Protein backbone atom coordinates (compact mmCIF):
# COMPACT_ATOMS: atom_id res chain seq x y z
CA MET A 1 -79.18 -63.78 -91.58
CA LEU A 2 -79.67 -64.11 -95.33
CA THR A 3 -82.25 -66.54 -96.63
CA ASN A 4 -82.64 -68.45 -99.89
CA VAL A 5 -79.29 -67.39 -101.31
CA THR A 6 -77.78 -68.54 -104.59
CA VAL A 7 -75.19 -71.32 -104.67
CA GLU A 8 -72.46 -68.81 -105.49
CA GLU A 9 -73.50 -66.50 -102.64
CA ALA A 10 -73.58 -69.39 -100.16
CA ARG A 11 -70.14 -70.57 -101.25
CA GLU A 12 -68.66 -67.08 -101.08
CA ILE A 13 -70.15 -66.45 -97.64
CA ILE A 14 -68.98 -69.69 -96.08
CA GLN A 15 -65.47 -69.38 -97.54
CA GLY A 16 -65.16 -65.72 -96.62
CA LEU A 17 -63.33 -66.30 -93.35
CA VAL A 18 -61.61 -69.55 -94.28
CA ILE A 19 -57.82 -69.42 -94.54
CA PRO A 20 -55.35 -72.26 -95.20
CA LEU A 21 -54.43 -74.19 -92.08
CA GLN A 22 -50.96 -73.96 -90.57
CA PRO A 23 -48.34 -76.18 -92.25
CA GLU A 24 -46.57 -79.04 -90.53
CA SER A 25 -43.54 -81.19 -91.27
CA ILE A 26 -44.31 -84.88 -91.68
CA SER A 27 -42.43 -88.00 -92.71
CA LEU A 28 -42.15 -88.47 -96.46
CA VAL A 29 -43.57 -91.99 -96.14
CA ASP A 30 -46.78 -90.53 -94.63
CA SER A 31 -47.20 -87.69 -97.12
CA LEU A 32 -49.12 -89.35 -99.98
CA GLN A 33 -51.99 -87.09 -101.16
CA ARG A 34 -50.98 -84.30 -98.79
CA ILE A 35 -50.64 -80.73 -100.09
CA THR A 36 -47.25 -79.02 -100.20
CA ALA A 37 -47.03 -75.80 -98.21
CA LEU A 38 -43.77 -74.61 -99.82
CA ASP A 39 -42.07 -74.73 -103.19
CA ILE A 40 -39.61 -77.63 -103.26
CA VAL A 41 -36.37 -77.19 -105.23
CA ALA A 42 -33.68 -79.70 -106.10
CA PRO A 43 -30.89 -79.62 -103.49
CA GLY A 44 -28.44 -81.04 -106.05
CA ASP A 45 -28.13 -82.64 -109.46
CA LEU A 46 -30.01 -85.87 -110.20
CA PRO A 47 -28.22 -88.04 -111.07
CA PRO A 48 -25.31 -86.47 -109.18
CA CYS A 49 -22.75 -87.78 -111.70
CA PRO A 50 -22.76 -89.48 -115.14
CA ARG A 51 -24.07 -93.05 -114.96
CA SER A 52 -24.56 -95.90 -117.38
CA ALA A 53 -28.07 -96.38 -118.73
CA MET A 54 -27.49 -100.12 -119.28
CA ASP A 55 -25.09 -103.00 -118.83
CA GLY A 56 -22.25 -102.54 -121.30
CA PHE A 57 -18.78 -101.20 -122.02
CA VAL A 58 -17.66 -97.57 -121.85
CA ILE A 59 -15.96 -95.98 -124.85
CA HIS A 60 -13.44 -93.14 -124.89
CA ASN A 61 -14.14 -90.14 -127.13
CA SER A 62 -11.21 -91.01 -129.41
CA ASN A 63 -12.64 -94.49 -130.12
CA LEU A 64 -16.24 -93.50 -131.02
CA LYS A 65 -15.78 -94.09 -134.74
CA GLY A 66 -15.29 -97.84 -134.18
CA ALA A 67 -13.24 -100.27 -136.29
CA CYS A 68 -10.98 -100.92 -133.33
CA GLU A 69 -10.22 -103.28 -130.49
CA LEU A 70 -10.15 -102.12 -126.91
CA LEU A 71 -8.48 -103.59 -123.86
CA VAL A 72 -10.97 -104.46 -121.12
CA ASN A 73 -9.05 -103.39 -118.04
CA ASP A 74 -11.77 -103.49 -115.37
CA ASN A 75 -15.24 -104.83 -114.48
CA LEU A 76 -17.11 -102.37 -112.26
CA SER A 77 -19.78 -104.04 -110.14
CA PRO A 78 -22.87 -101.99 -109.14
CA GLY A 79 -21.93 -99.24 -106.72
CA THR A 80 -18.17 -99.44 -107.42
CA ILE A 81 -16.38 -96.13 -107.81
CA PRO A 82 -13.93 -96.12 -110.76
CA ALA A 83 -10.31 -96.07 -109.61
CA SER A 84 -8.84 -94.47 -112.72
CA ILE A 85 -9.55 -92.33 -115.78
CA LEU A 86 -10.57 -94.12 -119.00
CA LYS A 87 -7.77 -93.92 -121.57
CA PRO A 88 -7.94 -94.20 -125.38
CA GLY A 89 -7.74 -97.81 -126.52
CA GLU A 90 -9.26 -99.08 -123.24
CA THR A 91 -12.72 -99.96 -122.03
CA VAL A 92 -14.38 -100.85 -118.74
CA LYS A 93 -17.39 -103.08 -118.22
CA VAL A 94 -20.18 -101.31 -116.26
CA ALA A 95 -23.59 -102.21 -114.87
CA THR A 96 -26.85 -100.33 -115.34
CA GLY A 97 -26.78 -97.25 -113.12
CA GLY A 98 -23.06 -97.64 -112.52
CA ILE A 99 -20.79 -94.62 -112.06
CA LEU A 100 -18.72 -93.98 -115.19
CA PRO A 101 -15.00 -93.31 -115.11
CA ALA A 102 -13.81 -89.90 -116.21
CA GLY A 103 -13.20 -89.83 -119.96
CA SER A 104 -16.27 -91.96 -120.81
CA ALA A 105 -18.03 -90.73 -123.96
CA ALA A 106 -20.58 -93.50 -124.62
CA VAL A 107 -21.62 -96.99 -123.59
CA ILE A 108 -21.94 -99.99 -125.93
CA PRO A 109 -24.77 -102.31 -124.81
CA GLU A 110 -23.45 -105.64 -123.59
CA GLU A 111 -25.61 -107.53 -126.09
CA ASN A 112 -23.92 -105.63 -128.94
CA ALA A 113 -20.39 -106.26 -127.68
CA VAL A 114 -18.03 -108.83 -129.18
CA CYS A 115 -15.36 -109.89 -126.69
CA LYS A 116 -12.41 -112.22 -127.20
CA GLY A 117 -10.29 -112.76 -124.15
CA ASN A 118 -9.51 -109.36 -122.65
CA TYR A 119 -10.42 -107.41 -125.78
CA LEU A 120 -13.62 -105.79 -127.03
CA PHE A 121 -14.15 -105.53 -130.79
CA PHE A 122 -16.65 -103.16 -132.41
CA LYS A 123 -16.97 -101.83 -135.92
CA LYS A 124 -19.87 -99.36 -136.05
CA GLU A 125 -19.56 -95.71 -135.08
CA ILE A 126 -21.35 -94.76 -131.85
CA ASP A 127 -22.79 -91.34 -131.01
CA PRO A 128 -21.31 -89.29 -128.17
CA GLY A 129 -23.42 -89.68 -125.01
CA ALA A 130 -25.14 -92.85 -126.21
CA ASN A 131 -26.57 -94.90 -123.32
CA ILE A 132 -25.29 -92.48 -120.71
CA LYS A 133 -27.40 -90.72 -118.09
CA PRO A 134 -25.62 -87.36 -117.81
CA GLN A 135 -25.26 -85.52 -114.52
CA GLY A 136 -28.45 -83.55 -113.81
CA GLU A 137 -30.44 -85.28 -116.56
CA ASP A 138 -33.56 -85.40 -114.34
CA PHE A 139 -32.99 -82.26 -112.27
CA LYS A 140 -30.31 -79.62 -111.96
CA GLU A 141 -29.53 -78.12 -108.57
CA GLY A 142 -32.06 -75.35 -107.91
CA ASP A 143 -34.67 -76.67 -110.35
CA LEU A 144 -38.26 -76.40 -109.12
CA ILE A 145 -39.48 -79.92 -108.34
CA LEU A 146 -42.92 -79.15 -106.92
CA ARG A 147 -44.82 -75.92 -106.55
CA ARG A 148 -46.56 -74.94 -103.36
CA ASN A 149 -50.15 -76.26 -103.17
CA THR A 150 -49.32 -79.43 -105.11
CA CYS A 151 -50.90 -82.76 -104.16
CA LEU A 152 -48.14 -85.29 -103.49
CA ASN A 153 -48.62 -88.32 -105.71
CA PRO A 154 -46.48 -91.51 -105.75
CA GLY A 155 -44.19 -90.07 -108.44
CA ALA A 156 -43.50 -86.98 -106.34
CA LEU A 157 -42.63 -89.15 -103.34
CA GLY A 158 -40.24 -91.15 -105.52
CA VAL A 159 -38.44 -88.00 -106.70
CA LEU A 160 -38.12 -86.64 -103.15
CA ALA A 161 -36.86 -90.02 -101.95
CA ALA A 162 -34.20 -89.95 -104.69
CA PHE A 163 -32.88 -86.75 -103.09
CA GLY A 164 -32.97 -88.31 -99.62
CA GLN A 165 -35.66 -85.93 -98.35
CA GLN A 166 -37.07 -87.48 -95.18
CA LYS A 167 -39.52 -84.72 -94.21
CA VAL A 168 -41.88 -82.59 -96.25
CA ARG A 169 -43.76 -79.42 -95.32
CA VAL A 170 -47.51 -79.79 -95.95
CA TYR A 171 -50.75 -78.16 -94.86
CA ARG A 172 -52.38 -79.74 -91.85
CA ARG A 173 -55.30 -82.02 -92.66
CA PRO A 174 -58.62 -80.33 -91.76
CA ALA A 175 -60.47 -81.99 -88.88
CA VAL A 176 -64.20 -82.34 -89.55
CA ALA A 177 -66.93 -83.10 -87.02
CA ILE A 178 -70.12 -84.68 -88.43
CA ILE A 179 -73.34 -84.49 -86.44
CA CYS A 180 -76.54 -86.38 -87.35
CA LEU A 181 -79.52 -84.47 -85.98
CA GLY A 182 -82.38 -86.84 -86.80
CA GLN A 183 -83.89 -88.28 -83.61
CA GLU A 184 -84.64 -91.54 -85.43
CA ILE A 185 -81.18 -91.94 -87.00
CA ILE A 186 -78.83 -94.55 -85.52
CA PRO A 187 -75.31 -95.71 -86.53
CA TYR A 188 -75.39 -98.06 -89.51
CA HIS A 189 -73.90 -100.99 -87.59
CA LEU A 190 -76.78 -101.09 -85.08
CA GLU A 191 -80.00 -103.06 -85.56
CA PRO A 192 -82.84 -100.55 -85.98
CA GLN A 193 -85.93 -100.81 -83.82
CA LYS A 194 -89.33 -99.81 -85.11
CA GLY A 195 -89.25 -96.21 -86.26
CA GLN A 196 -85.45 -96.05 -86.43
CA VAL A 197 -83.37 -95.65 -89.59
CA ARG A 198 -79.78 -96.73 -90.23
CA ASP A 199 -77.46 -93.84 -91.00
CA SER A 200 -75.89 -93.84 -94.46
CA ASN A 201 -75.03 -90.14 -94.58
CA GLY A 202 -72.47 -90.27 -91.80
CA LEU A 203 -70.29 -92.84 -93.53
CA LEU A 204 -70.91 -91.16 -96.89
CA LEU A 205 -69.62 -87.82 -95.62
CA THR A 206 -66.79 -89.48 -93.73
CA SER A 207 -65.62 -91.01 -97.01
CA LEU A 208 -65.96 -87.72 -98.87
CA VAL A 209 -64.01 -85.86 -96.18
CA LEU A 210 -61.19 -88.41 -96.40
CA GLN A 211 -61.28 -88.18 -100.20
CA ASP A 212 -60.88 -84.40 -99.93
CA GLY A 213 -57.83 -84.72 -97.70
CA GLY A 214 -59.55 -84.15 -94.36
CA GLN A 215 -59.90 -86.29 -91.27
CA VAL A 216 -62.99 -86.97 -89.17
CA ALA A 217 -62.76 -85.62 -85.63
CA GLY A 218 -66.03 -87.24 -84.60
CA LEU A 219 -69.36 -88.64 -85.79
CA GLU A 220 -72.17 -88.09 -83.29
CA TYR A 221 -75.93 -88.72 -83.16
CA VAL A 222 -78.35 -86.44 -81.36
CA GLY A 223 -80.80 -89.32 -80.94
CA LEU A 224 -78.34 -91.25 -78.75
CA SER A 225 -78.01 -88.46 -76.16
CA THR A 226 -80.10 -86.31 -73.90
CA ARG A 227 -80.31 -82.72 -75.02
CA ASP A 228 -77.98 -81.46 -72.26
CA SER A 229 -75.39 -84.19 -72.77
CA PHE A 230 -75.51 -83.60 -76.51
CA MET A 231 -74.72 -79.91 -76.05
CA ASP A 232 -71.65 -80.92 -74.04
CA THR A 233 -70.67 -83.32 -76.84
CA LEU A 234 -71.20 -80.54 -79.37
CA GLU A 235 -68.92 -78.22 -77.40
CA GLY A 236 -66.20 -80.87 -77.42
CA LEU A 237 -66.52 -81.32 -81.18
CA PHE A 238 -66.19 -77.58 -81.77
CA GLN A 239 -62.98 -77.58 -79.74
CA LYS A 240 -61.22 -80.17 -81.91
CA ALA A 241 -62.75 -79.58 -85.36
CA ASP A 242 -61.83 -77.08 -88.09
CA LEU A 243 -65.19 -77.58 -89.78
CA VAL A 244 -68.49 -78.78 -88.32
CA ILE A 245 -71.14 -80.36 -90.57
CA THR A 246 -74.64 -81.18 -89.38
CA ILE A 247 -76.94 -83.56 -91.24
CA GLY A 248 -80.71 -83.24 -91.22
CA GLY A 249 -83.17 -80.93 -89.52
CA ALA A 250 -82.35 -77.99 -91.78
CA ALA A 251 -85.88 -77.47 -93.17
CA ASN A 252 -88.62 -75.47 -91.48
CA GLY A 253 -90.83 -78.27 -90.21
CA GLU A 254 -92.07 -78.87 -86.67
CA TYR A 255 -89.29 -81.34 -85.88
CA ASP A 256 -86.44 -79.62 -87.69
CA GLN A 257 -83.97 -78.46 -85.05
CA ALA A 258 -80.67 -77.68 -86.81
CA LEU A 259 -81.11 -73.91 -86.65
CA SER A 260 -82.07 -73.82 -82.97
CA ILE A 261 -79.33 -76.25 -81.89
CA LEU A 262 -76.62 -74.36 -83.75
CA ARG A 263 -77.74 -71.02 -82.35
CA LYS A 264 -77.82 -72.43 -78.84
CA ALA A 265 -74.26 -73.72 -79.42
CA GLY A 266 -73.12 -70.18 -80.18
CA VAL A 267 -73.01 -70.40 -83.98
CA LYS A 268 -73.57 -67.16 -85.86
CA ILE A 269 -75.82 -68.17 -88.75
CA VAL A 270 -75.08 -66.13 -91.88
CA PHE A 271 -77.40 -67.82 -94.39
CA TRP A 272 -80.21 -70.35 -94.34
CA GLY A 273 -81.67 -71.91 -97.48
CA MET A 274 -80.09 -72.13 -100.92
CA GLN A 275 -81.51 -71.88 -104.43
CA ALA A 276 -80.71 -75.43 -105.50
CA LYS A 277 -82.48 -78.75 -105.87
CA PRO A 278 -81.60 -81.03 -104.30
CA GLY A 279 -79.85 -79.28 -101.44
CA SER A 280 -82.09 -76.28 -100.79
CA HIS A 281 -82.41 -77.11 -97.09
CA CYS A 282 -78.98 -76.10 -95.89
CA GLY A 283 -77.32 -73.30 -94.02
CA GLY A 284 -74.00 -71.90 -92.96
CA GLY A 285 -72.35 -69.92 -90.23
CA PHE A 286 -69.30 -69.52 -87.99
CA ARG A 287 -68.40 -70.16 -84.40
CA LYS A 288 -65.22 -68.42 -83.28
CA SER A 289 -64.10 -68.20 -86.94
CA LYS A 290 -64.71 -71.93 -87.53
CA PRO A 291 -67.14 -72.63 -90.38
CA VAL A 292 -70.32 -74.59 -89.75
CA ILE A 293 -72.40 -76.11 -92.57
CA ALA A 294 -75.88 -77.57 -92.12
CA LEU A 295 -76.91 -80.10 -94.78
CA SER A 296 -80.13 -81.85 -95.68
CA GLY A 297 -80.87 -85.31 -94.29
CA ASN A 298 -81.88 -86.74 -97.66
CA PRO A 299 -78.85 -88.64 -99.00
CA SER A 300 -78.67 -87.14 -102.48
CA ALA A 301 -79.36 -83.61 -101.20
CA CYS A 302 -76.79 -84.11 -98.45
CA VAL A 303 -74.06 -85.07 -100.92
CA VAL A 304 -74.94 -82.28 -103.38
CA GLY A 305 -74.68 -79.80 -100.50
CA TYR A 306 -71.36 -81.30 -99.47
CA HIS A 307 -69.85 -80.92 -102.94
CA LEU A 308 -71.17 -77.39 -103.41
CA LEU A 309 -70.28 -76.03 -99.96
CA ALA A 310 -68.11 -78.27 -97.76
CA SER A 311 -65.66 -79.63 -100.32
CA PRO A 312 -64.50 -76.14 -101.43
CA VAL A 313 -63.97 -75.21 -97.76
CA LEU A 314 -61.79 -78.26 -97.13
CA ARG A 315 -59.78 -77.57 -100.28
CA LYS A 316 -59.23 -73.92 -99.35
CA MET A 317 -58.04 -74.97 -95.88
CA GLN A 318 -55.34 -76.97 -97.68
CA GLY A 319 -54.32 -74.15 -100.00
CA LEU A 320 -56.22 -75.47 -103.02
CA SER A 321 -58.74 -73.97 -105.41
CA SER A 322 -62.37 -75.08 -105.18
CA GLY A 323 -61.61 -77.75 -107.78
CA GLN A 324 -65.04 -77.49 -109.35
CA ASP A 325 -64.07 -77.44 -112.99
CA ARG A 326 -66.94 -76.53 -115.27
CA ILE A 327 -67.13 -78.28 -118.64
CA MET A 328 -69.70 -78.09 -121.44
CA ALA A 329 -70.70 -81.63 -122.40
CA VAL A 330 -73.10 -83.34 -124.77
CA CYS A 331 -75.89 -85.12 -122.88
CA VAL A 332 -76.58 -88.64 -124.17
CA ASP A 333 -80.09 -88.78 -122.66
CA ASN A 334 -83.40 -86.99 -123.01
CA TYR A 335 -84.62 -85.03 -120.00
CA GLN A 336 -88.31 -84.33 -120.18
CA LYS A 337 -88.83 -82.43 -116.94
CA LYS A 338 -88.89 -78.68 -116.65
CA GLY A 339 -88.35 -76.78 -113.46
CA ASN A 340 -88.38 -73.41 -111.78
CA ALA A 341 -85.42 -73.83 -109.44
CA ARG A 342 -81.82 -74.45 -110.36
CA ARG A 343 -81.32 -78.21 -110.42
CA PHE A 344 -78.31 -80.46 -110.13
CA LEU A 345 -78.44 -83.91 -111.71
CA TRP A 346 -76.01 -86.70 -110.94
CA GLY A 347 -74.06 -87.57 -114.06
CA GLN A 348 -71.23 -89.66 -115.36
CA MET A 349 -69.02 -87.70 -117.70
CA PHE A 350 -66.80 -89.43 -120.25
CA LEU A 351 -64.67 -88.64 -123.27
CA ASP A 352 -65.95 -89.98 -126.59
CA ILE A 353 -62.98 -89.60 -128.96
CA ASP A 354 -62.51 -85.82 -128.55
CA THR A 355 -65.92 -84.78 -127.19
CA TRP A 356 -66.99 -84.63 -123.57
CA LYS A 357 -70.32 -86.34 -123.01
CA VAL A 358 -72.42 -86.96 -119.92
CA LYS A 359 -75.02 -89.54 -118.99
CA ILE A 360 -77.84 -88.79 -116.55
CA LEU A 361 -77.72 -91.46 -113.87
CA PRO A 362 -80.80 -93.31 -112.60
CA GLY A 363 -82.23 -92.50 -109.16
CA GLN A 364 -82.25 -88.69 -109.11
CA LYS A 365 -84.69 -88.22 -106.20
CA SER A 366 -83.11 -86.49 -103.22
CA SER A 367 -84.02 -89.45 -101.01
CA MET A 368 -82.31 -92.03 -103.26
CA LEU A 369 -78.81 -93.49 -103.11
CA LYS A 370 -78.61 -95.31 -106.45
CA SER A 371 -77.06 -92.50 -108.45
CA LEU A 372 -74.26 -92.13 -105.89
CA LEU A 373 -72.78 -95.48 -106.92
CA CYS A 374 -70.92 -94.19 -109.97
CA TYR A 375 -71.24 -90.40 -110.33
CA ASN A 376 -68.31 -88.21 -111.25
CA SER A 377 -70.09 -84.96 -112.06
CA LEU A 378 -73.10 -82.72 -111.49
CA ILE A 379 -75.16 -81.47 -114.42
CA ASP A 380 -76.00 -77.85 -113.56
CA LEU A 381 -79.39 -76.85 -114.98
CA PRO A 382 -80.24 -73.14 -114.55
CA ALA A 383 -83.48 -71.89 -113.05
CA GLY A 384 -86.37 -72.12 -115.49
CA TYR A 385 -84.69 -74.80 -117.61
CA PRO A 386 -86.87 -76.40 -120.30
CA PRO A 387 -86.94 -80.12 -121.22
CA PHE A 388 -84.09 -81.05 -123.55
CA GLU A 389 -83.31 -83.78 -126.03
CA LYS A 390 -80.41 -86.16 -126.38
CA GLY A 391 -77.48 -84.31 -127.95
CA SER A 392 -78.08 -81.06 -126.07
CA VAL A 393 -75.02 -79.32 -124.65
CA VAL A 394 -75.23 -78.82 -120.88
CA PRO A 395 -72.91 -77.32 -118.23
CA VAL A 396 -71.29 -79.97 -116.05
CA ILE A 397 -69.31 -79.60 -112.82
CA ARG A 398 -66.60 -82.18 -112.35
CA VAL A 399 -66.50 -83.57 -108.81
CA PRO A 400 -62.97 -83.56 -107.34
CA GLY A 401 -61.62 -86.95 -106.38
CA THR A 402 -63.60 -88.87 -109.00
CA SER A 403 -62.24 -90.21 -112.25
CA LEU A 404 -63.33 -89.31 -115.76
CA ALA A 405 -63.72 -92.09 -118.29
CA HIS A 406 -61.71 -91.78 -121.52
CA LEU A 407 -63.64 -94.15 -123.74
CA SER A 408 -64.27 -94.28 -127.47
CA THR A 409 -67.50 -96.19 -126.86
CA TYR A 410 -69.50 -95.87 -123.65
CA GLN A 411 -72.65 -97.76 -122.75
CA GLY A 412 -73.21 -96.16 -119.36
CA PRO A 413 -74.12 -97.80 -116.04
CA LYS A 414 -76.80 -100.42 -115.92
CA THR A 415 -79.99 -99.19 -114.31
């Protein structure tokens, strides 16, 4: 077992045996935010035939120069298939999206048309193809619509629906078991007795797992069970989970039990302790090729550990990259502390005209929750960092699933 490893070593170790989960076919209506397991190509042209881009009158190629009158010989309602070819000197009224008769070269908008009886008069020349959606304008048959490992957004679902695709092949959602090891920790909805503490980490991690495309297979508390019954519960969680995360008890104190519990459960521990603050009290291992991550019980440290270790695992299981984009940003605050260990600060990154900037959020202690209200990034300060002044350029890790502000003027969150 390795001890006190770097963040990069810990991440590499825990991802070493992780492979994308098996794909499954699901209903298109249930596929929002799922990850495609195959390239998706257009099965045909879209639109499949020329259509009108607006309500109006179709014009034959020989009448495009205008200064003529045309006989209106039909009025095609939406969805009507033209019965005949358009001839010179004739026109047909069409609706937006309507199928055009063969021989149509352009469409005159209805508001620009001058009709008297059964005749259309127009003077100005009109360009070929005007106000027509040509066949295959969006996609030609065989065009690549979506690459493998693409997150399905509403637009993608709309395109696939336009082709009539009812099923889509996606990676299975990772199942995550979350285990709170603190004897004094109880579910948040219960009324704590003296000495007990409501759990915030369980719901926090549940939300983060869902945000990263996973699903929670179970949330259990060691303090609500006897030791023997809890080991049975743990065995059941390992059976149905792709990833197991424990919270708390990962330090080396008298009452810290994460290491002993995981070993007793058959987990092969590969590292314990990481060179990061907050988040140094963590560990990782495998049980029958399933990854296990032990996180700190302090809220801020727990979430830092999740983003550095667990989130990349969940993304890899779904065929994605780690998603931890690294950006150099101008810090808008002073930071007067210096430190020996590598430190991660909660930040809110934003775009000021064309420059990325980041604000250090209030409440940076590992035991505090305040900074978790509006973070979207982690400021990554290297070991031995000195104090720095406002305007310094710092490395920032963008947190997947959070939004970046694009603002010309930014005041930052209220403290």
